[in-house]
Amino acid sequence: MLYMEELQDLGYEVIAASNGNDAIKKFEIYQPDLIILDILMPGMNGIETMNIIREKSKDIPIILCTAYGEYKQDLNTWASDAYVIKSADLAELLTTVNRILPI
């Protein structure tokens, strides 16, 4: 919710999903310009979700977010356009979003 509020405050339109399956359904309906996925989600994790979305669209930019830095070494995360470690300071995430999808 914090990400959503901050991105909306910057002028981005945000659609939130509660899990990987919900994210895939919303991706198919809304065709977003950018997707931010948490790696650890209930049910299907963010890497699995990213792989399914990549099968449907190779061009959609995807940012993976996690509180765990060790996932950066996982080759499966390399299919993302960016990898951001969660922090109370959202500067890295916001800078990354703006780099990929400037307002």
Protein backbone atom coordinates (compact mmCIF):
# COMPACT_ATOMS: atom_id res chain seq x y z
CA MET A 1 0.00 0.00 0.00
CA LEU A 2 2.92 2.33 0.72
CA TYR A 3 4.29 1.82 -2.80
CA MET A 4 0.85 2.44 -4.27
CA GLU A 5 0.35 5.68 -2.33
CA GLU A 6 3.82 7.02 -3.16
CA LEU A 7 3.51 6.21 -6.86
CA GLN A 8 0.03 7.72 -7.04
CA ASP A 9 1.34 10.88 -5.34
CA LEU A 10 3.91 11.13 -8.14
CA GLY A 11 1.19 10.88 -10.79
CA TYR A 12 1.30 7.21 -11.72
CA GLU A 13 -1.93 5.23 -12.09
CA VAL A 14 -1.56 2.14 -9.89
CA ILE A 15 -3.46 -1.14 -9.92
CA ALA A 16 -2.69 -3.41 -6.97
CA ALA A 17 -2.90 -7.19 -6.85
CA SER A 18 -3.00 -9.35 -3.74
CA ASN A 19 -1.03 -12.32 -5.12
CA GLY A 20 0.55 -13.75 -8.27
CA ASN A 21 -2.65 -15.15 -9.75
CA ASP A 22 -4.42 -11.84 -9.19
CA ALA A 23 -1.48 -10.02 -10.80
CA ILE A 24 -1.69 -12.20 -13.92
CA LYS A 25 -5.44 -11.64 -14.23
CA LYS A 26 -5.04 -7.89 -13.84
CA PHE A 27 -2.15 -7.87 -16.31
CA GLU A 28 -4.39 -9.48 -18.93
CA ILE A 29 -7.22 -7.01 -18.29
CA TYR A 30 -5.32 -3.73 -17.89
CA GLN A 31 -2.11 -4.25 -19.92
CA PRO A 32 -0.01 -2.04 -17.60
CA ASP A 33 3.10 -0.15 -18.70
CA LEU A 34 5.16 -1.48 -15.77
CA ILE A 35 4.83 -4.25 -13.19
CA ILE A 36 6.37 -4.30 -9.71
CA LEU A 37 6.38 -7.74 -8.09
CA ASP A 38 7.35 -8.79 -4.60
CA ILE A 39 9.28 -12.06 -4.74
CA LEU A 40 7.64 -13.52 -1.64
CA MET A 41 3.88 -13.57 -2.17
CA PRO A 42 1.17 -16.00 -1.07
CA GLY A 43 0.71 -18.91 -3.46
CA MET A 44 2.75 -18.24 -6.57
CA ASN A 45 5.94 -16.26 -5.89
CA GLY A 46 7.02 -13.20 -7.84
CA ILE A 47 9.56 -15.05 -9.97
CA GLU A 48 6.93 -17.58 -11.11
CA THR A 49 4.49 -14.75 -11.75
CA MET A 50 7.11 -12.87 -13.77
CA ASN A 51 7.82 -15.95 -15.90
CA ILE A 52 4.13 -16.39 -16.76
CA ILE A 53 3.79 -12.71 -17.63
CA ARG A 54 6.99 -12.88 -19.74
CA GLU A 55 5.44 -15.77 -21.73
CA LYS A 56 2.51 -13.49 -22.56
CA SER A 57 4.53 -10.32 -23.17
CA LYS A 58 8.30 -10.09 -23.41
CA ASP A 59 8.24 -6.28 -23.60
CA ILE A 60 6.54 -5.37 -20.32
CA PRO A 61 9.09 -3.94 -17.87
CA ILE A 62 9.13 -5.81 -14.55
CA ILE A 63 10.75 -4.70 -11.31
CA LEU A 64 11.30 -7.36 -8.67
CA CYS A 65 11.22 -6.20 -5.05
CA THR A 66 12.28 -8.14 -2.03
CA ALA A 67 13.58 -7.68 1.47
CA TYR A 68 16.08 -10.48 0.82
CA GLY A 69 19.23 -9.59 -1.10
CA GLU A 70 20.22 -13.20 -1.75
CA TYR A 71 17.60 -13.53 -4.51
CA LYS A 72 19.74 -11.22 -6.63
CA GLN A 73 22.10 -14.17 -7.18
CA ASP A 74 19.22 -16.36 -8.40
CA LEU A 75 19.49 -16.59 -12.19
CA ASN A 76 15.69 -16.59 -12.43
CA THR A 77 15.58 -12.97 -11.25
CA TRP A 78 17.78 -11.85 -14.13
CA ALA A 79 14.76 -11.85 -16.47
CA SER A 80 13.49 -8.77 -14.63
CA ASP A 81 14.32 -5.26 -15.79
CA ALA A 82 15.36 -4.22 -12.29
CA TYR A 83 15.83 -5.67 -8.83
CA VAL A 84 15.18 -3.48 -5.80
CA ILE A 85 15.77 -4.41 -2.18
CA LYS A 86 12.91 -3.16 -0.01
CA SER A 87 13.70 -0.37 2.35
CA ALA A 88 11.85 2.18 4.46
CA ASP A 89 13.45 4.71 2.10
CA LEU A 90 11.62 4.37 -1.22
CA ALA A 91 14.16 6.45 -3.14
CA GLU A 92 15.71 3.48 -4.99
CA LEU A 93 12.33 2.11 -6.04
CA LEU A 94 11.00 5.51 -7.12
CA THR A 95 14.19 6.28 -9.06
CA THR A 96 14.00 2.89 -10.77
CA VAL A 97 10.33 3.36 -11.69
CA ASN A 98 11.04 6.83 -13.07
CA ARG A 99 14.00 5.52 -15.09
CA ILE A 100 11.91 2.77 -16.67
CA LEU A 101 8.64 4.70 -16.95
CA PRO A 102 9.16 8.47 -16.76
CA ILE A 103 6.05 10.53 -16.13
